[in-house]
Protein backbone atom coordinates (compact mmCIF):
# COMPACT_ATOMS: atom_id res chain seq x y z
CA MET A 1 -20.97 16.15 3.91
CA SER A 2 -18.50 17.11 6.62
CA HIS A 3 -15.26 15.15 6.93
CA GLY A 4 -13.95 16.65 10.14
CA SER A 5 -14.99 17.68 13.60
CA SER A 6 -18.51 19.02 13.84
CA GLY A 7 -18.67 22.68 12.90
CA SER A 8 -15.02 22.90 11.85
CA PRO A 9 -14.06 24.26 8.43
CA ALA A 10 -12.09 22.08 6.05
CA ILE A 11 -9.06 24.38 6.19
CA SER A 12 -8.30 27.08 8.71
CA ALA A 13 -5.32 29.16 9.75
CA ALA A 14 -5.00 31.96 12.28
CA GLY A 15 -2.22 34.48 12.66
CA LEU A 16 0.28 32.65 10.47
CA ARG A 17 3.71 34.22 10.38
CA LYS A 18 6.77 32.86 8.62
CA ASP A 19 10.19 34.51 8.43
CA TYR A 20 13.27 33.48 6.51
CA GLY A 21 16.12 35.30 8.20
CA ASP A 22 15.19 38.97 8.25
CA ARG A 23 12.59 38.55 5.49
CA SER A 24 8.93 38.19 6.51
CA VAL A 25 7.08 35.94 4.06
CA LEU A 26 3.77 35.64 5.92
CA ARG A 27 2.64 38.43 8.25
CA GLY A 28 -0.35 37.32 10.28
CA VAL A 29 -2.50 35.47 7.76
CA ASP A 30 -5.98 34.19 8.67
CA ILE A 31 -7.78 31.95 6.21
CA SER A 32 -10.79 29.62 6.33
CA VAL A 33 -12.25 27.36 3.63
CA PRO A 34 -15.64 25.71 4.30
CA TRP A 35 -16.46 22.14 3.37
CA GLY A 36 -17.63 21.61 -0.18
CA GLN A 37 -15.75 24.58 -1.66
CA THR A 38 -12.83 25.15 -3.99
CA ALA A 39 -10.88 28.26 -3.00
CA VAL A 40 -8.33 30.02 -5.19
CA LEU A 41 -5.39 31.98 -3.82
CA PHE A 42 -4.13 34.82 -6.03
CA GLY A 43 -1.09 37.00 -5.58
CA PRO A 44 2.10 38.12 -7.31
CA ASN A 45 5.31 36.11 -7.16
CA GLY A 46 6.82 36.41 -3.70
CA ALA A 47 3.48 37.09 -2.01
CA GLY A 48 3.80 33.96 0.17
CA LYS A 49 1.35 31.65 -1.62
CA THR A 50 3.61 28.60 -1.80
CA THR A 51 4.77 29.09 1.79
CA LEU A 52 1.16 29.23 2.96
CA LEU A 53 0.26 25.99 1.15
CA ARG A 54 3.32 24.20 2.52
CA ILE A 55 2.42 25.22 6.07
CA LEU A 56 -1.16 24.06 5.60
CA ALA A 57 0.12 20.74 4.23
CA GLY A 58 2.37 20.26 7.27
CA LEU A 59 5.55 20.48 5.18
CA SER A 60 6.78 23.66 6.88
CA ARG A 61 6.27 25.08 10.36
CA PRO A 62 5.12 28.63 10.93
CA ASP A 63 6.99 30.90 13.30
CA ALA A 64 3.67 31.92 14.82
CA GLY A 65 0.01 31.05 14.35
CA ASP A 66 -2.08 27.93 14.13
CA THR A 67 -3.50 25.67 11.41
CA HIS A 68 -6.26 23.07 11.34
CA ILE A 69 -7.15 20.53 8.67
CA ALA A 70 -10.60 18.96 9.01
CA GLY A 71 -10.66 20.05 12.63
CA PHE A 72 -7.27 18.54 13.48
CA GLN A 73 -4.66 20.96 14.80
CA MET A 74 -1.42 20.58 12.85
CA ARG A 75 0.73 21.31 15.91
CA ARG A 76 -0.84 18.61 18.09
CA SER A 77 -2.15 16.13 15.52
CA GLY A 78 0.12 16.71 12.54
CA GLY A 79 0.34 13.04 11.59
CA ARG A 80 -3.42 12.67 11.43
CA ALA A 81 -3.90 16.01 9.66
CA ARG A 82 -1.34 15.15 6.97
CA THR A 83 -3.18 11.92 6.10
CA LEU A 84 -6.21 14.07 5.23
CA VAL A 85 -4.29 16.20 2.71
CA GLY A 86 -3.41 15.64 -0.93
CA PHE A 87 -0.63 18.03 -1.96
CA VAL A 88 0.80 18.98 -5.35
CA GLY A 89 3.69 21.42 -5.42
CA HIS A 90 5.95 22.84 -8.11
CA GLN A 91 8.19 19.78 -7.78
CA THR A 92 6.41 16.51 -8.59
CA LEU A 93 8.53 14.54 -6.06
CA LEU A 94 8.01 11.34 -8.06
CA TYR A 95 10.50 8.48 -8.24
CA SER A 96 11.84 8.86 -11.76
CA ASP A 97 13.14 5.28 -12.14
CA LEU A 98 9.80 3.76 -11.12
CA THR A 99 6.81 3.42 -13.41
CA CYS A 100 3.62 5.39 -12.90
CA ARG A 101 1.96 2.36 -11.35
CA GLU A 102 4.94 1.59 -9.10
CA ASN A 103 4.92 5.17 -7.79
CA LEU A 104 1.26 4.82 -6.90
CA VAL A 105 1.75 1.37 -5.34
CA PHE A 106 4.44 2.83 -3.07
CA TYR A 107 2.21 5.74 -2.09
CA ALA A 108 -0.77 3.43 -1.50
CA LYS A 109 1.29 1.35 0.95
CA LEU A 110 2.48 4.51 2.70
CA TYR A 111 -1.12 5.63 3.28
CA GLY A 112 -2.65 2.22 3.86
CA VAL A 113 -5.02 2.49 0.87
CA GLU A 114 -7.48 -0.39 0.82
CA ASP A 115 -8.13 -2.27 -2.42
CA SER A 116 -5.15 -0.39 -3.79
CA ALA A 117 -4.98 -2.12 -7.19
CA HIS A 118 -8.54 -1.06 -7.99
CA ARG A 119 -8.00 2.44 -6.65
CA ILE A 120 -4.77 2.88 -8.61
CA GLY A 121 -6.53 1.79 -11.79
CA ARG A 122 -9.28 4.35 -11.18
CA VAL A 123 -6.98 7.31 -10.62
CA LEU A 124 -4.85 6.40 -13.64
CA GLU A 125 -8.01 6.40 -15.74
CA ARG A 126 -9.20 9.66 -14.16
CA LEU A 127 -5.96 11.44 -15.06
CA ASN A 128 -5.76 9.82 -18.54
CA LEU A 129 -2.62 7.86 -17.69
CA ALA A 130 -3.86 4.28 -18.02
CA ASP A 131 -2.01 3.74 -21.29
CA ARG A 132 1.23 4.94 -19.68
CA ALA A 133 0.84 3.13 -16.37
CA ASP A 134 3.91 0.95 -16.89
CA ARG A 135 6.23 3.58 -18.33
CA ARG A 136 9.05 4.92 -16.19
CA VAL A 137 8.42 8.43 -14.94
CA ARG A 138 11.68 9.78 -16.41
CA THR A 139 10.38 8.97 -19.91
CA LEU A 140 7.26 11.12 -19.45
CA SER A 141 6.75 14.76 -20.41
CA HIS A 142 6.46 17.38 -17.68
CA GLY A 143 2.72 17.56 -18.25
CA MET A 144 2.30 13.80 -17.82
CA GLN A 145 4.40 13.90 -14.66
CA LYS A 146 2.17 16.67 -13.32
CA ARG A 147 -0.89 14.50 -14.06
CA LEU A 148 0.73 11.63 -12.17
CA SER A 149 1.40 13.89 -9.18
CA LEU A 150 -2.31 14.79 -9.23
CA ALA A 151 -3.21 11.10 -9.38
CA ARG A 152 -1.00 10.50 -6.36
CA ALA A 153 -2.62 13.40 -4.48
CA ILE A 154 -6.14 11.98 -4.82
CA LEU A 155 -5.18 8.30 -4.44
CA HIS A 156 -5.93 8.08 -0.72
CA GLU A 157 -9.13 10.14 -1.12
CA PRO A 158 -8.06 12.94 1.21
CA ALA A 159 -10.55 15.40 2.64
CA VAL A 160 -8.52 18.39 1.43
CA LEU A 161 -6.49 19.12 -1.70
CA LEU A 162 -3.73 21.75 -1.65
CA LEU A 163 -2.51 22.49 -5.17
CA ASP A 164 0.23 24.94 -6.14
CA GLU A 165 -0.40 26.05 -9.75
CA PRO A 166 -1.73 22.59 -10.71
CA GLU A 167 -2.50 23.68 -14.28
CA SER A 168 1.15 24.48 -14.98
CA GLY A 169 2.47 22.28 -17.79
CA LEU A 170 -0.93 20.79 -18.62
CA ASP A 171 -2.49 20.94 -22.07
CA ALA A 172 -5.98 22.37 -22.57
CA ASP A 173 -7.72 18.98 -22.31
CA SER A 174 -5.90 18.14 -19.08
CA VAL A 175 -6.75 21.54 -17.59
CA ALA A 176 -10.43 20.92 -18.43
CA SER A 177 -10.23 17.47 -16.82
CA LEU A 178 -8.70 18.99 -13.70
CA GLY A 179 -11.57 21.49 -13.55
CA HIS A 180 -14.08 18.62 -13.69
CA LEU A 181 -12.16 16.75 -10.99
CA LEU A 182 -12.28 19.78 -8.66
CA LYS A 183 -15.98 20.25 -9.33
CA ASP A 184 -16.64 16.62 -8.41
CA TRP A 185 -14.39 17.03 -5.37
CA SER A 186 -16.36 19.93 -3.94
CA THR A 187 -19.71 18.40 -4.89
CA SER A 188 -18.79 15.34 -2.79
CA GLY A 189 -18.34 17.64 0.22
CA LYS A 190 -14.55 17.81 0.16
CA SER A 191 -12.52 20.99 -0.26
CA ALA A 192 -9.55 22.34 -2.16
CA LEU A 193 -7.27 25.37 -2.00
CA LEU A 194 -5.13 26.13 -5.02
CA THR A 195 -2.94 28.86 -6.41
CA THR A 196 -3.00 30.09 -9.99
CA HIS A 197 -1.93 33.13 -11.98
CA SER A 198 -4.88 32.66 -14.35
CA SER A 199 -7.90 34.84 -13.64
CA GLU A 200 -9.84 32.73 -16.14
CA ILE A 201 -9.22 29.59 -14.09
CA GLY A 202 -10.04 31.48 -10.91
CA GLN A 203 -13.38 32.54 -12.34
CA ALA A 204 -14.19 29.06 -13.62
CA TRP A 205 -13.15 26.98 -10.63
CA ALA A 206 -13.44 29.07 -7.47
CA ASP A 207 -16.25 29.25 -4.96
CA ARG A 208 -14.09 31.62 -2.93
CA VAL A 209 -11.07 33.80 -3.71
CA PHE A 210 -8.26 35.03 -1.48
CA ILE A 211 -5.72 37.66 -2.51
CA LEU A 212 -2.31 37.58 -0.86
CA GLU A 213 0.07 40.52 -1.13
CA ARG A 214 3.42 40.89 0.61
CA GLY A 215 2.53 38.19 3.08
CA ARG A 216 -0.83 39.69 4.10
CA LEU A 217 -4.36 38.83 3.09
CA ALA A 218 -5.41 41.79 0.93
CA GLY A 219 -8.87 40.55 -0.05
CA GLU A 220 -11.36 37.72 0.40
CA SER A 221 -14.69 37.13 -1.28
CA PRO A 222 -17.08 34.45 -2.45
CA VAL A 223 -17.27 34.29 -6.24
CA HIS A 224 -20.70 35.33 -7.53
CA GLY A 225 -21.44 35.44 -11.23
CA ASN A 226 -17.76 34.89 -12.09
CA ALA A 227 -16.82 38.25 -10.56
CA LEU A 228 -13.46 38.30 -8.81
CA PRO A 229 -12.75 40.56 -5.84
CA THR A 230 -10.32 43.44 -6.04
CA GLN A 231 -8.00 44.78 -3.38
CA SER A 232 -10.94 46.76 -2.03
CA ALA A 233 -12.89 43.56 -1.34
CA SER A 234 -14.19 43.15 2.17
CA ARG A 235 -11.38 42.28 4.51
CA PRO A 236 -11.45 39.99 7.51
CA GLY A 237 -10.73 41.44 10.92
CA ALA A 238 -7.73 43.26 12.31
CA ALA A 239 -5.87 40.02 12.96
CA HIS A 240 -4.69 40.22 9.37
CA GLY A 241 -2.53 43.20 10.20
């Protein structure tokens, strides 16, 4: 089931470049994730993974290049594109003095979520937080706060999830639940792009793998039979530099 313009991928970027002073973080990155797939982005620290996700989420602007979410160009239709994204970064960005439920109520109003009470109850159950719904965020462990940030990301049922090391801080049961959530997400026709340092998670969750090194795309491949690509994997065209 497609959620965007006819024929458009769920996530696409072309020629992305991002510099911080004299340091180039992204150097002409092209990426495309079809509908109904979970893609995993691998790369060492400093490769540009977080910067790429933040640009795709509309939280940072590239110095060159173009991005589309569900067919909407971020430069021209950034407001609309951002409503179609659920983002989880390294920082949970939760309101620590509010309860779990109050955080989600605030977010539901921000995104105009219909039948928000019912929807909030469902996502709290999905992330195993129903019994902590009325506890203040500052009293929760890091892992529980990460689960709440995931609940917030899916609350408005976005077309695309962008997740930066979402398994970080989660226990084994929560990681397994996240894997099931992503499987259901892609089965419903939606898409996700996430980063992880775990090859095991990459093998288990990914339909497609990208490898980023020094700001360039060093490899891209569908995942067949739980085999991950290496640096010698087939590369996209010369636009990747």
